[in-house]
Amino acid sequence: MAKSKLRVPSILHVSKDISAGKLLPVYYLFGEDTYSLDKTIKDIEKYIEPFLASDFDKDIMYAEDTTLSEIISIASSFPFGSVKKFVLVKEFEKISNKKDLLGYINSPADFTCLLLEHRGSISNLESEPYKSLIANKFMYEAAEPKGDVLVEWILQYAGENGKIISADVASVLVEIVGENRNLIEIQLEKIFTYLGEKKEIDLEVISSLSAKYKEFTIFDLQNALGNKSKRKSFEIAFNLLEKEVDPAFIIVMLTKYFAGILRVNEIKTSGISDFDAAKLIGTHAYYLQNYYNARKIYSDEELINISRALLNADIAVKTTSADNKTIITILLTEIFNAGRKGIPA
């Protein structure tokens, strides 16, 4: 099946538009990201609440308990005394005859905000009513955020709470916490409390907060390994595992770290800026000095043996039943022994 060429905007745009005072007559929100679906619905409800003078002008229903004709009838009827009506239909994916929505989509009531929530993906956006919803700019997708989309969400969430964070620092936060949005939100709330009246979230704030709560990050583990601090490395690694950090994530980040160490001499002599050097290595300029220091400590032979140890650990995570602590213990032991003997391929 050919992939649809239709582009559906991110659900993140809805809250931005609402903040700017733009309310649409129809919203069709769909996707796998229930976090975004729930939050966006709350944002729309909060915005429209002052326009509702009567409880009779607010209808919240579930698709399995109603019919499409009833939904359209309610949306089309005049408010009892309010400026607006609000009609929310949850689990709209359970409505079978969605194509019958076409007439209303093309001529919606201007006094109603009809919000249709569809939990899950849509296989064919070229079919109706989706094609018309997209054409009328009523449709938004709540995709599980990754990469730049997740960074954009962090920037938006910080802004909504009166804080400022750069995309660069937000990327570092994702690397530290992982891509679980609930965990990121918890960390951001801690940061907001820690900052108090201060506005800007920078790397020093994140590092200071981790120290305050005695929480270690993957960057603390990198620093400890970069200094060949054996006791500290094991302490931090076990702390990360206790916080249920995925060992596969630890291995990936350490693989990036040691690959970066292997390249720093070449990059350092190239004459490029620290910002560009950090970008090439895959880190932030704030952490670049750690790479330079580690390169003075680790020999080429050690780094080659460490790369083998990381490969073995990656294979073990994916193919064996060994517990996470055992796999990470073996990995760290092999890293610290890398200069004494080769790691078996």
C-alpha atoms as a PDB file:
ATOM      1  CA  MET A   1       0.000   0.000   0.000  1.00  0.00           C
ATOM      2  CA  ALA A   2       1.399   3.382  -0.961  1.00  0.00           C
ATOM      3  CA  LYS A   3       2.112   5.728   1.914  1.00  0.00           C
ATOM      4  CA  SER A   4      -0.256   8.674   2.164  1.00  0.00           C
ATOM      5  CA  LYS A   5       1.166  11.999   1.000  1.00  0.00           C
ATOM      6  CA  LEU A   6      -1.228  13.905   3.239  1.00  0.00           C
ATOM      7  CA  ARG A   7       0.429  15.668   6.145  1.00  0.00           C
ATOM      8  CA  VAL A   8      -1.354  15.981   9.466  1.00  0.00           C
ATOM      9  CA  PRO A   9      -0.045  18.677  11.826  1.00  0.00           C
ATOM     10  CA  SER A  10       1.137  17.764  15.304  1.00  0.00           C
ATOM     11  CA  ILE A  11      -1.307  18.021  18.173  1.00  0.00           C
ATOM     12  CA  LEU A  12       1.218  20.340  19.820  1.00  0.00           C
ATOM     13  CA  HIS A  13      -0.032  23.131  17.541  1.00  0.00           C
ATOM     14  CA  VAL A  14      -3.486  23.049  19.143  1.00  0.00           C
ATOM     15  CA  SER A  15      -2.390  24.364  22.539  1.00  0.00           C
ATOM     16  CA  LYS A  16      -0.299  27.061  20.847  1.00  0.00           C
ATOM     17  CA  ASP A  17      -3.309  28.199  18.804  1.00  0.00           C
ATOM     18  CA  ILE A  18      -5.546  28.147  21.877  1.00  0.00           C
ATOM     19  CA  SER A  19      -3.043  30.338  23.737  1.00  0.00           C
ATOM     20  CA  ALA A  20      -3.249  32.785  20.823  1.00  0.00           C
ATOM     21  CA  GLY A  21      -7.051  32.865  21.077  1.00  0.00           C
ATOM     22  CA  LYS A  22      -7.737  30.666  18.038  1.00  0.00           C
ATOM     23  CA  LEU A  23     -10.555  28.154  18.537  1.00  0.00           C
ATOM     24  CA  LEU A  24     -11.720  25.888  15.711  1.00  0.00           C
ATOM     25  CA  PRO A  25     -15.314  24.671  15.244  1.00  0.00           C
ATOM     26  CA  VAL A  26     -14.097  21.082  14.843  1.00  0.00           C
ATOM     27  CA  TYR A  27     -11.132  19.177  16.247  1.00  0.00           C
ATOM     28  CA  TYR A  28     -10.371  15.597  15.246  1.00  0.00           C
ATOM     29  CA  LEU A  29      -7.530  14.468  17.498  1.00  0.00           C
ATOM     30  CA  PHE A  30      -6.052  11.035  16.913  1.00  0.00           C
ATOM     31  CA  GLY A  31      -2.955   9.022  17.684  1.00  0.00           C
ATOM     32  CA  GLU A  32      -1.112   6.676  20.023  1.00  0.00           C
ATOM     33  CA  ASP A  33       0.071   9.351  22.448  1.00  0.00           C
ATOM     34  CA  THR A  34      -2.660   9.387  25.084  1.00  0.00           C
ATOM     35  CA  TYR A  35      -0.691  11.904  27.157  1.00  0.00           C
ATOM     36  CA  SER A  36      -1.025  14.544  24.417  1.00  0.00           C
ATOM     37  CA  LEU A  37      -4.640  13.631  23.722  1.00  0.00           C
ATOM     38  CA  ASP A  38      -5.670  14.052  27.366  1.00  0.00           C
ATOM     39  CA  LYS A  39      -3.694  17.271  27.858  1.00  0.00           C
ATOM     40  CA  THR A  40      -4.962  18.908  24.660  1.00  0.00           C
ATOM     41  CA  ILE A  41      -8.569  18.061  25.507  1.00  0.00           C
ATOM     42  CA  LYS A  42      -8.079  19.697  28.931  1.00  0.00           C
ATOM     43  CA  ASP A  43      -6.528  22.771  27.297  1.00  0.00           C
ATOM     44  CA  ILE A  44      -9.518  23.174  24.961  1.00  0.00           C
ATOM     45  CA  GLU A  45     -12.007  22.613  27.806  1.00  0.00           C
ATOM     46  CA  LYS A  46     -10.235  25.203  29.951  1.00  0.00           C
ATOM     47  CA  TYR A  47     -10.232  27.749  27.136  1.00  0.00           C
ATOM     48  CA  ILE A  48     -13.917  27.376  26.237  1.00  0.00           C
ATOM     49  CA  GLU A  49     -15.229  27.208  29.833  1.00  0.00           C
ATOM     50  CA  PRO A  50     -15.734  31.016  30.203  1.00  0.00           C
ATOM     51  CA  PHE A  51     -17.953  30.979  27.086  1.00  0.00           C
ATOM     52  CA  LEU A  52     -20.335  28.406  28.596  1.00  0.00           C
ATOM     53  CA  ALA A  53     -23.014  30.056  30.731  1.00  0.00           C
ATOM     54  CA  SER A  54     -25.037  26.855  31.108  1.00  0.00           C
ATOM     55  CA  ASP A  55     -24.120  23.254  31.895  1.00  0.00           C
ATOM     56  CA  PHE A  56     -26.605  22.288  29.164  1.00  0.00           C
ATOM     57  CA  ASP A  57     -24.162  23.682  26.605  1.00  0.00           C
ATOM     58  CA  LYS A  58     -21.468  21.177  27.526  1.00  0.00           C
ATOM     59  CA  ASP A  59     -21.883  17.584  26.348  1.00  0.00           C
ATOM     60  CA  ILE A  60     -19.330  14.859  27.036  1.00  0.00           C
ATOM     61  CA  MET A  61     -20.190  11.451  25.649  1.00  0.00           C
ATOM     62  CA  TYR A  62     -18.631   8.149  24.608  1.00  0.00           C
ATOM     63  CA  ALA A  63     -18.967   6.903  21.043  1.00  0.00           C
ATOM     64  CA  GLU A  64     -20.234   3.486  22.097  1.00  0.00           C
ATOM     65  CA  ASP A  65     -23.157   5.102  23.921  1.00  0.00           C
ATOM     66  CA  THR A  66     -24.375   7.297  21.060  1.00  0.00           C
ATOM     67  CA  THR A  67     -24.743   7.542  17.275  1.00  0.00           C
ATOM     68  CA  LEU A  68     -23.194   9.881  14.731  1.00  0.00           C
ATOM     69  CA  SER A  69     -26.580  11.372  13.864  1.00  0.00           C
ATOM     70  CA  GLU A  70     -27.167  12.196  17.532  1.00  0.00           C
ATOM     71  CA  ILE A  71     -23.699  13.795  17.784  1.00  0.00           C
ATOM     72  CA  ILE A  72     -24.353  15.968  14.730  1.00  0.00           C
ATOM     73  CA  SER A  73     -27.811  16.911  16.011  1.00  0.00           C
ATOM     74  CA  ILE A  74     -26.420  18.058  19.366  1.00  0.00           C
ATOM     75  CA  ALA A  75     -23.565  19.971  17.710  1.00  0.00           C
ATOM     76  CA  SER A  76     -25.982  21.682  15.308  1.00  0.00           C
ATOM     77  CA  SER A  77     -28.511  22.820  17.916  1.00  0.00           C
ATOM     78  CA  PHE A  78     -28.228  26.366  19.299  1.00  0.00           C
ATOM     79  CA  PRO A  79     -26.789  26.999  22.775  1.00  0.00           C
ATOM     80  CA  PHE A  80     -29.254  27.421  25.661  1.00  0.00           C
ATOM     81  CA  GLY A  81     -27.861  30.824  26.584  1.00  0.00           C
ATOM     82  CA  SER A  82     -24.126  30.629  26.140  1.00  0.00           C
ATOM     83  CA  VAL A  83     -21.879  32.154  23.528  1.00  0.00           C
ATOM     84  CA  LYS A  84     -20.565  28.699  22.645  1.00  0.00           C
ATOM     85  CA  LYS A  85     -21.398  25.016  22.917  1.00  0.00           C
ATOM     86  CA  PHE A  86     -18.829  22.346  23.692  1.00  0.00           C
ATOM     87  CA  VAL A  87     -19.342  18.776  22.497  1.00  0.00           C
ATOM     88  CA  LEU A  88     -16.685  16.183  23.327  1.00  0.00           C
ATOM     89  CA  VAL A  89     -16.935  12.651  21.943  1.00  0.00           C
ATOM     90  CA  LYS A  90     -14.450  10.203  23.425  1.00  0.00           C
ATOM     91  CA  GLU A  91     -13.260   7.035  21.639  1.00  0.00           C
ATOM     92  CA  PHE A  92     -14.684   8.239  18.338  1.00  0.00           C
ATOM     93  CA  GLU A  93     -12.764   5.440  16.608  1.00  0.00           C
ATOM     94  CA  LYS A  94     -15.664   3.172  17.656  1.00  0.00           C
ATOM     95  CA  ILE A  95     -18.107   5.021  15.381  1.00  0.00           C
ATOM     96  CA  SER A  96     -18.544   2.875  12.268  1.00  0.00           C
ATOM     97  CA  ASN A  97     -20.130   5.297   9.787  1.00  0.00           C
ATOM     98  CA  LYS A  98     -17.614   8.137  10.102  1.00  0.00           C
ATOM     99  CA  LYS A  99     -18.083   9.138   6.453  1.00  0.00           C
ATOM    100  CA  ASP A 100     -21.492  10.572   7.394  1.00  0.00           C
ATOM    101  CA  LEU A 101     -19.603  13.301   9.231  1.00  0.00           C
ATOM    102  CA  LEU A 102     -18.699  14.915   5.875  1.00  0.00           C
ATOM    103  CA  GLY A 103     -21.698  17.240   5.711  1.00  0.00           C
ATOM    104  CA  TYR A 104     -20.992  18.718   9.127  1.00  0.00           C
ATOM    105  CA  ILE A 105     -17.233  19.043   8.457  1.00  0.00           C
ATOM    106  CA  ASN A 106     -17.847  21.158   5.372  1.00  0.00           C
ATOM    107  CA  SER A 107     -20.382  23.407   7.112  1.00  0.00           C
ATOM    108  CA  PRO A 108     -19.883  23.281  10.901  1.00  0.00           C
ATOM    109  CA  ALA A 109     -21.904  25.349  13.359  1.00  0.00           C
ATOM    110  CA  ASP A 110     -19.864  28.430  14.258  1.00  0.00           C
ATOM    111  CA  PHE A 111     -21.286  28.469  17.804  1.00  0.00           C
ATOM    112  CA  THR A 112     -20.090  24.911  18.580  1.00  0.00           C
ATOM    113  CA  CYS A 113     -16.702  23.436  19.318  1.00  0.00           C
ATOM    114  CA  LEU A 114     -16.988  19.767  18.373  1.00  0.00           C
ATOM    115  CA  LEU A 115     -14.053  17.755  19.717  1.00  0.00           C
ATOM    116  CA  LEU A 116     -13.658  14.188  18.484  1.00  0.00           C
ATOM    117  CA  GLU A 117     -11.084  11.997  20.215  1.00  0.00           C
ATOM    118  CA  HIS A 118      -9.758   8.999  18.278  1.00  0.00           C
ATOM    119  CA  ARG A 119      -7.387   6.775  20.251  1.00  0.00           C
ATOM    120  CA  GLY A 120      -5.018   4.959  17.910  1.00  0.00           C
ATOM    121  CA  SER A 121      -3.632   5.266  14.413  1.00  0.00           C
ATOM    122  CA  ILE A 122      -5.509   5.647  11.112  1.00  0.00           C
ATOM    123  CA  SER A 123      -4.515   3.327   8.273  1.00  0.00           C
ATOM    124  CA  ASN A 124      -5.815   5.362   5.326  1.00  0.00           C
ATOM    125  CA  LEU A 125      -5.803   9.145   5.618  1.00  0.00           C
ATOM    126  CA  GLU A 126      -6.836   9.415   1.956  1.00  0.00           C
ATOM    127  CA  SER A 127     -10.290   8.074   2.813  1.00  0.00           C
ATOM    128  CA  GLU A 128     -13.196  10.164   4.043  1.00  0.00           C
ATOM    129  CA  PRO A 129     -13.897  11.867   6.358  1.00  0.00           C
ATOM    130  CA  TYR A 130     -10.155  12.149   7.105  1.00  0.00           C
ATOM    131  CA  LYS A 131      -9.260  13.723   3.767  1.00  0.00           C
ATOM    132  CA  SER A 132     -11.807  16.499   4.284  1.00  0.00           C
ATOM    133  CA  LEU A 133     -10.818  16.972   7.926  1.00  0.00           C
ATOM    134  CA  ILE A 134      -7.216  17.522   6.816  1.00  0.00           C
ATOM    135  CA  ALA A 135      -8.307  19.842   3.983  1.00  0.00           C
ATOM    136  CA  ASN A 136     -10.291  21.963   6.462  1.00  0.00           C
ATOM    137  CA  LYS A 137      -7.371  21.907   8.945  1.00  0.00           C
ATOM    138  CA  PHE A 138      -9.482  20.257  11.638  1.00  0.00           C
ATOM    139  CA  MET A 139      -7.261  17.196  12.142  1.00  0.00           C
ATOM    140  CA  TYR A 140      -4.221  16.794  14.414  1.00  0.00           C
ATOM    141  CA  GLU A 141      -2.055  13.791  15.211  1.00  0.00           C
ATOM    142  CA  ALA A 142      -0.815  12.793  18.651  1.00  0.00           C
ATOM    143  CA  ALA A 143       2.203  10.730  17.657  1.00  0.00           C
ATOM    144  CA  GLU A 144       4.527   9.365  20.331  1.00  0.00           C
ATOM    145  CA  PRO A 145       7.116  12.152  20.453  1.00  0.00           C
ATOM    146  CA  LYS A 146      10.683  11.355  19.462  1.00  0.00           C
ATOM    147  CA  GLY A 147      13.711  13.466  18.693  1.00  0.00           C
ATOM    148  CA  ASP A 148      12.883  17.034  17.655  1.00  0.00           C
ATOM    149  CA  VAL A 149       9.172  16.630  18.436  1.00  0.00           C
ATOM    150  CA  LEU A 150       9.964  15.651  22.028  1.00  0.00           C
ATOM    151  CA  VAL A 151      12.374  18.572  22.338  1.00  0.00           C
ATOM    152  CA  GLU A 152       9.642  20.892  20.999  1.00  0.00           C
ATOM    153  CA  TRP A 153       7.263  19.585  23.654  1.00  0.00           C
ATOM    154  CA  ILE A 154       9.817  20.290  26.411  1.00  0.00           C
ATOM    155  CA  LEU A 155      10.236  23.851  25.140  1.00  0.00           C
ATOM    156  CA  GLN A 156       6.455  24.305  25.081  1.00  0.00           C
ATOM    157  CA  TYR A 157       5.939  22.760  28.535  1.00  0.00           C
ATOM    158  CA  ALA A 158       8.659  24.957  30.033  1.00  0.00           C
ATOM    159  CA  GLY A 159       7.163  28.034  28.371  1.00  0.00           C
ATOM    160  CA  GLU A 160       3.705  27.242  29.738  1.00  0.00           C
ATOM    161  CA  ASN A 161       5.244  27.212  33.208  1.00  0.00           C
ATOM    162  CA  GLY A 162       7.054  30.506  32.736  1.00  0.00           C
ATOM    163  CA  LYS A 163      10.486  28.980  32.195  1.00  0.00           C
ATOM    164  CA  ILE A 164      12.989  29.145  29.344  1.00  0.00           C
ATOM    165  CA  ILE A 165      15.046  26.232  28.034  1.00  0.00           C
ATOM    166  CA  SER A 166      17.041  26.010  24.820  1.00  0.00           C
ATOM    167  CA  ALA A 167      16.586  23.147  22.348  1.00  0.00           C
ATOM    168  CA  ASP A 168      20.185  22.148  23.037  1.00  0.00           C
ATOM    169  CA  VAL A 169      19.634  21.796  26.792  1.00  0.00           C
ATOM    170  CA  ALA A 170      16.280  20.067  26.223  1.00  0.00           C
ATOM    171  CA  SER A 171      18.106  17.471  24.080  1.00  0.00           C
ATOM    172  CA  VAL A 172      20.532  16.820  26.927  1.00  0.00           C
ATOM    173  CA  LEU A 173      17.600  16.384  29.329  1.00  0.00           C
ATOM    174  CA  VAL A 174      16.111  13.741  27.000  1.00  0.00           C
ATOM    175  CA  GLU A 175      19.442  11.922  26.898  1.00  0.00           C
ATOM    176  CA  ILE A 176      19.615  11.966  30.697  1.00  0.00           C
ATOM    177  CA  VAL A 177      16.027  10.928  31.456  1.00  0.00           C
ATOM    178  CA  GLY A 178      15.081   8.990  28.311  1.00  0.00           C
ATOM    179  CA  GLU A 179      12.028   9.446  26.092  1.00  0.00           C
ATOM    180  CA  ASN A 180       9.345   8.623  28.660  1.00  0.00           C
ATOM    181  CA  ARG A 181       7.328  11.840  28.836  1.00  0.00           C
ATOM    182  CA  ASN A 182       5.936  11.180  32.303  1.00  0.00           C
ATOM    183  CA  LEU A 183       9.480  10.858  33.683  1.00  0.00           C
ATOM    184  CA  ILE A 184      10.568  14.007  31.832  1.00  0.00           C
ATOM    185  CA  GLU A 185       7.591  15.897  33.273  1.00  0.00           C
ATOM    186  CA  ILE A 186       8.530  14.766  36.801  1.00  0.00           C
ATOM    187  CA  GLN A 187      12.089  16.039  36.300  1.00  0.00           C
ATOM    188  CA  LEU A 188      10.854  19.337  34.848  1.00  0.00           C
ATOM    189  CA  GLU A 189       8.559  19.879  37.841  1.00  0.00           C
ATOM    190  CA  LYS A 190      11.556  19.344  40.134  1.00  0.00           C
ATOM    191  CA  ILE A 191      13.527  21.853  38.064  1.00  0.00           C
ATOM    192  CA  PHE A 192      10.717  24.440  38.256  1.00  0.00           C
ATOM    193  CA  THR A 193      10.633  24.116  42.053  1.00  0.00           C
ATOM    194  CA  TYR A 194      14.409  24.300  42.287  1.00  0.00           C
ATOM    195  CA  LEU A 195      14.559  27.439  40.116  1.00  0.00           C
ATOM    196  CA  GLY A 196      11.972  29.369  42.092  1.00  0.00           C
ATOM    197  CA  GLU A 197      11.665  32.828  40.519  1.00  0.00           C
ATOM    198  CA  LYS A 198      14.547  32.235  38.114  1.00  0.00           C
ATOM    199  CA  LYS A 199      13.519  31.671  34.514  1.00  0.00           C
ATOM    200  CA  GLU A 200      16.300  29.921  32.618  1.00  0.00           C
ATOM    201  CA  ILE A 201      16.963  26.188  32.708  1.00  0.00           C
ATOM    202  CA  ASP A 202      20.586  25.523  31.791  1.00  0.00           C
ATOM    203  CA  LEU A 203      22.940  22.587  32.157  1.00  0.00           C
ATOM    204  CA  GLU A 204      24.286  23.828  35.468  1.00  0.00           C
ATOM    205  CA  VAL A 205      20.746  23.842  36.875  1.00  0.00           C
ATOM    206  CA  ILE A 206      20.192  20.237  35.752  1.00  0.00           C
ATOM    207  CA  SER A 207      23.538  19.143  37.252  1.00  0.00           C
ATOM    208  CA  SER A 208      22.900  21.017  40.526  1.00  0.00           C
ATOM    209  CA  LEU A 209      19.448  19.510  40.870  1.00  0.00           C
ATOM    210  CA  SER A 210      20.796  15.991  40.340  1.00  0.00           C
ATOM    211  CA  ALA A 211      23.349  16.610  43.085  1.00  0.00           C
ATOM    212  CA  LYS A 212      20.694  17.999  45.442  1.00  0.00           C
ATOM    213  CA  TYR A 213      18.473  14.946  45.088  1.00  0.00           C
ATOM    214  CA  LYS A 214      21.509  12.632  45.044  1.00  0.00           C
ATOM    215  CA  GLU A 215      20.439  11.375  41.639  1.00  0.00           C
ATOM    216  CA  PHE A 216      22.994  10.309  39.087  1.00  0.00           C
ATOM    217  CA  THR A 217      22.719  10.692  35.335  1.00  0.00           C
ATOM    218  CA  ILE A 218      24.332   8.899  32.415  1.00  0.00           C
ATOM    219  CA  PHE A 219      26.695  11.887  32.142  1.00  0.00           C
ATOM    220  CA  ASP A 220      27.882  11.300  35.710  1.00  0.00           C
ATOM    221  CA  LEU A 221      28.715   7.737  34.704  1.00  0.00           C
ATOM    222  CA  GLN A 222      30.607   9.001  31.655  1.00  0.00           C
ATOM    223  CA  ASN A 223      32.573  11.435  33.824  1.00  0.00           C
ATOM    224  CA  ALA A 224      33.469   8.717  36.323  1.00  0.00           C
ATOM    225  CA  LEU A 225      34.605   6.385  33.541  1.00  0.00           C
ATOM    226  CA  GLY A 226      36.482   9.239  31.871  1.00  0.00           C
ATOM    227  CA  ASN A 227      38.461   9.680  35.103  1.00  0.00           C
ATOM    228  CA  LYS A 228      38.830   5.909  35.552  1.00  0.00           C
ATOM    229  CA  SER A 229      37.113   6.162  38.925  1.00  0.00           C
ATOM    230  CA  LYS A 230      36.167   2.523  39.459  1.00  0.00           C
ATOM    231  CA  ARG A 231      34.246   2.822  42.735  1.00  0.00           C
ATOM    232  CA  LYS A 232      32.276   5.835  41.558  1.00  0.00           C
ATOM    233  CA  SER A 233      31.478   4.211  38.203  1.00  0.00           C
ATOM    234  CA  PHE A 234      29.953   1.141  39.848  1.00  0.00           C
ATOM    235  CA  GLU A 235      28.043   3.292  42.361  1.00  0.00           C
ATOM    236  CA  ILE A 236      26.522   5.452  39.624  1.00  0.00           C
ATOM    237  CA  ALA A 237      25.740   2.518  37.301  1.00  0.00           C
ATOM    238  CA  PHE A 238      23.905   0.631  40.047  1.00  0.00           C
ATOM    239  CA  ASN A 239      22.029   3.801  41.014  1.00  0.00           C
ATOM    240  CA  LEU A 240      20.842   4.183  37.415  1.00  0.00           C
ATOM    241  CA  LEU A 241      19.656   0.566  37.366  1.00  0.00           C
ATOM    242  CA  GLU A 242      17.802   1.096  40.662  1.00  0.00           C
ATOM    243  CA  LYS A 243      15.993   4.009  39.000  1.00  0.00           C
ATOM    244  CA  GLU A 244      15.000   1.502  36.284  1.00  0.00           C
ATOM    245  CA  VAL A 245      17.112   3.124  33.579  1.00  0.00           C
ATOM    246  CA  ASP A 246      17.169   0.701  30.650  1.00  0.00           C
ATOM    247  CA  PRO A 247      20.588  -1.041  30.472  1.00  0.00           C
ATOM    248  CA  ALA A 248      20.336  -0.877  26.678  1.00  0.00           C
ATOM    249  CA  PHE A 249      20.195   2.926  26.993  1.00  0.00           C
ATOM    250  CA  ILE A 250      23.303   2.885  29.234  1.00  0.00           C
ATOM    251  CA  ILE A 251      25.172   0.774  26.682  1.00  0.00           C
ATOM    252  CA  VAL A 252      24.145   2.982  23.757  1.00  0.00           C
ATOM    253  CA  MET A 253      25.231   6.157  25.566  1.00  0.00           C
ATOM    254  CA  LEU A 254      28.564   4.643  26.610  1.00  0.00           C
ATOM    255  CA  THR A 255      29.135   3.443  23.050  1.00  0.00           C
ATOM    256  CA  LYS A 256      28.606   7.020  21.803  1.00  0.00           C
ATOM    257  CA  TYR A 257      30.860   8.326  24.572  1.00  0.00           C
ATOM    258  CA  PHE A 258      33.846   6.072  23.899  1.00  0.00           C
ATOM    259  CA  ALA A 259      33.446   6.495  20.138  1.00  0.00           C
ATOM    260  CA  GLY A 260      33.645  10.242  20.756  1.00  0.00           C
ATOM    261  CA  ILE A 261      36.783   9.855  22.884  1.00  0.00           C
ATOM    262  CA  LEU A 262      38.418   7.977  20.024  1.00  0.00           C
ATOM    263  CA  ARG A 263      37.815  10.955  17.696  1.00  0.00           C
ATOM    264  CA  VAL A 264      38.736  13.928  19.873  1.00  0.00           C
ATOM    265  CA  ASN A 265      42.419  14.131  18.949  1.00  0.00           C
ATOM    266  CA  GLU A 266      41.556  14.395  15.278  1.00  0.00           C
ATOM    267  CA  ILE A 267      38.839  16.962  15.967  1.00  0.00           C
ATOM    268  CA  LYS A 268      40.970  19.003  18.373  1.00  0.00           C
ATOM    269  CA  THR A 269      43.643  19.581  15.733  1.00  0.00           C
ATOM    270  CA  SER A 270      41.094  20.588  13.092  1.00  0.00           C
ATOM    271  CA  GLY A 271      40.750  24.097  14.501  1.00  0.00           C
ATOM    272  CA  ILE A 272      36.938  24.063  14.689  1.00  0.00           C
ATOM    273  CA  SER A 273      34.992  25.639  17.549  1.00  0.00           C
ATOM    274  CA  ASP A 274      34.021  23.731  20.699  1.00  0.00           C
ATOM    275  CA  PHE A 275      30.378  23.959  19.634  1.00  0.00           C
ATOM    276  CA  ASP A 276      31.087  22.302  16.257  1.00  0.00           C
ATOM    277  CA  ALA A 277      33.462  19.788  17.837  1.00  0.00           C
ATOM    278  CA  ALA A 278      30.825  18.764  20.361  1.00  0.00           C
ATOM    279  CA  LYS A 279      28.254  18.426  17.583  1.00  0.00           C
ATOM    280  CA  LEU A 280      30.542  16.106  15.604  1.00  0.00           C
ATOM    281  CA  ILE A 281      31.168  13.952  18.673  1.00  0.00           C
ATOM    282  CA  GLY A 282      27.487  13.896  19.601  1.00  0.00           C
ATOM    283  CA  THR A 283      27.565  15.762  22.901  1.00  0.00           C
ATOM    284  CA  HIS A 284      27.205  19.287  24.311  1.00  0.00           C
ATOM    285  CA  ALA A 285      30.099  21.754  24.498  1.00  0.00           C
ATOM    286  CA  TYR A 286      29.555  21.786  28.275  1.00  0.00           C
ATOM    287  CA  TYR A 287      30.819  18.171  28.428  1.00  0.00           C
ATOM    288  CA  LEU A 288      33.562  18.448  25.789  1.00  0.00           C
ATOM    289  CA  GLN A 289      36.463  18.913  28.218  1.00  0.00           C
ATOM    290  CA  ASN A 290      35.614  15.554  29.751  1.00  0.00           C
ATOM    291  CA  TYR A 291      36.287  13.921  26.369  1.00  0.00           C
ATOM    292  CA  TYR A 292      39.643  15.673  26.033  1.00  0.00           C
ATOM    293  CA  ASN A 293      40.684  14.611  29.539  1.00  0.00           C
ATOM    294  CA  ALA A 294      39.582  11.015  28.981  1.00  0.00           C
ATOM    295  CA  ARG A 295      41.545  10.794  25.725  1.00  0.00           C
ATOM    296  CA  LYS A 296      44.739  11.476  27.693  1.00  0.00           C
ATOM    297  CA  ILE A 297      43.929   8.542  29.968  1.00  0.00           C
ATOM    298  CA  TYR A 298      42.712   5.897  27.506  1.00  0.00           C
ATOM    299  CA  SER A 299      45.034   4.397  24.900  1.00  0.00           C
ATOM    300  CA  ASP A 300      43.979   3.310  21.428  1.00  0.00           C
ATOM    301  CA  GLU A 301      44.259  -0.335  22.496  1.00  0.00           C
ATOM    302  CA  GLU A 302      42.011   0.251  25.505  1.00  0.00           C
ATOM    303  CA  LEU A 303      39.380   2.002  23.414  1.00  0.00           C
ATOM    304  CA  ILE A 304      39.337  -0.832  20.891  1.00  0.00           C
ATOM    305  CA  ASN A 305      38.929  -3.382  23.686  1.00  0.00           C
ATOM    306  CA  ILE A 306      36.201  -1.263  25.285  1.00  0.00           C
ATOM    307  CA  SER A 307      34.298  -1.178  21.994  1.00  0.00           C
ATOM    308  CA  ARG A 308      34.343  -4.993  22.003  1.00  0.00           C
ATOM    309  CA  ALA A 309      33.124  -5.054  25.604  1.00  0.00           C
ATOM    310  CA  LEU A 310      30.238  -2.741  24.701  1.00  0.00           C
ATOM    311  CA  LEU A 311      29.304  -4.928  21.733  1.00  0.00           C
ATOM    312  CA  ASN A 312      29.310  -8.014  23.974  1.00  0.00           C
ATOM    313  CA  ALA A 313      27.106  -6.227  26.518  1.00  0.00           C
ATOM    314  CA  ASP A 314      24.684  -5.130  23.792  1.00  0.00           C
ATOM    315  CA  ILE A 315      24.397  -8.713  22.552  1.00  0.00           C
ATOM    316  CA  ALA A 316      23.915  -9.983  26.124  1.00  0.00           C
ATOM    317  CA  VAL A 317      21.042  -7.554  26.778  1.00  0.00           C
ATOM    318  CA  LYS A 318      19.264  -8.641  23.606  1.00  0.00           C
ATOM    319  CA  THR A 319      19.914 -12.382  23.601  1.00  0.00           C
ATOM    320  CA  THR A 320      20.530 -13.694  27.144  1.00  0.00           C
ATOM    321  CA  SER A 321      18.469 -14.070  30.301  1.00  0.00           C
ATOM    322  CA  ALA A 322      21.225 -12.593  32.487  1.00  0.00           C
ATOM    323  CA  ASP A 323      19.955  -9.909  34.882  1.00  0.00           C
ATOM    324  CA  ASN A 324      20.731  -6.266  34.157  1.00  0.00           C
ATOM    325  CA  LYS A 325      23.074  -5.797  37.106  1.00  0.00           C
ATOM    326  CA  THR A 326      25.210  -8.749  36.052  1.00  0.00           C
ATOM    327  CA  ILE A 327      25.507  -7.482  32.470  1.00  0.00           C
ATOM    328  CA  ILE A 328      26.511  -3.964  33.564  1.00  0.00           C
ATOM    329  CA  THR A 329      28.928  -5.335  36.192  1.00  0.00           C
ATOM    330  CA  ILE A 330      30.679  -7.444  33.565  1.00  0.00           C
ATOM    331  CA  LEU A 331      30.776  -4.469  31.177  1.00  0.00           C
ATOM    332  CA  LEU A 332      32.367  -2.110  33.724  1.00  0.00           C
ATOM    333  CA  THR A 333      34.842  -4.773  34.801  1.00  0.00           C
ATOM    334  CA  GLU A 334      35.914  -5.275  31.194  1.00  0.00           C
ATOM    335  CA  ILE A 335      36.218  -1.508  30.667  1.00  0.00           C
ATOM    336  CA  PHE A 336      38.563  -1.165  33.630  1.00  0.00           C
ATOM    337  CA  ASN A 337      40.530  -4.236  32.544  1.00  0.00           C
ATOM    338  CA  ALA A 338      40.720  -3.150  28.897  1.00  0.00           C
ATOM    339  CA  GLY A 339      44.376  -2.118  29.201  1.00  0.00           C
ATOM    340  CA  ARG A 340      45.458  -5.420  30.730  1.00  0.00           C
ATOM    341  CA  LYS A 341      44.128  -7.809  28.119  1.00  0.00           C
ATOM    342  CA  GLY A 342      41.971  -7.885  25.034  1.00  0.00           C
ATOM    343  CA  ILE A 343      38.254  -8.460  25.288  1.00  0.00           C
ATOM    344  CA  PRO A 344      37.190 -11.570  23.346  1.00  0.00           C
ATOM    345  CA  ALA A 345      35.317 -10.746  20.141  1.00  0.00           C
END
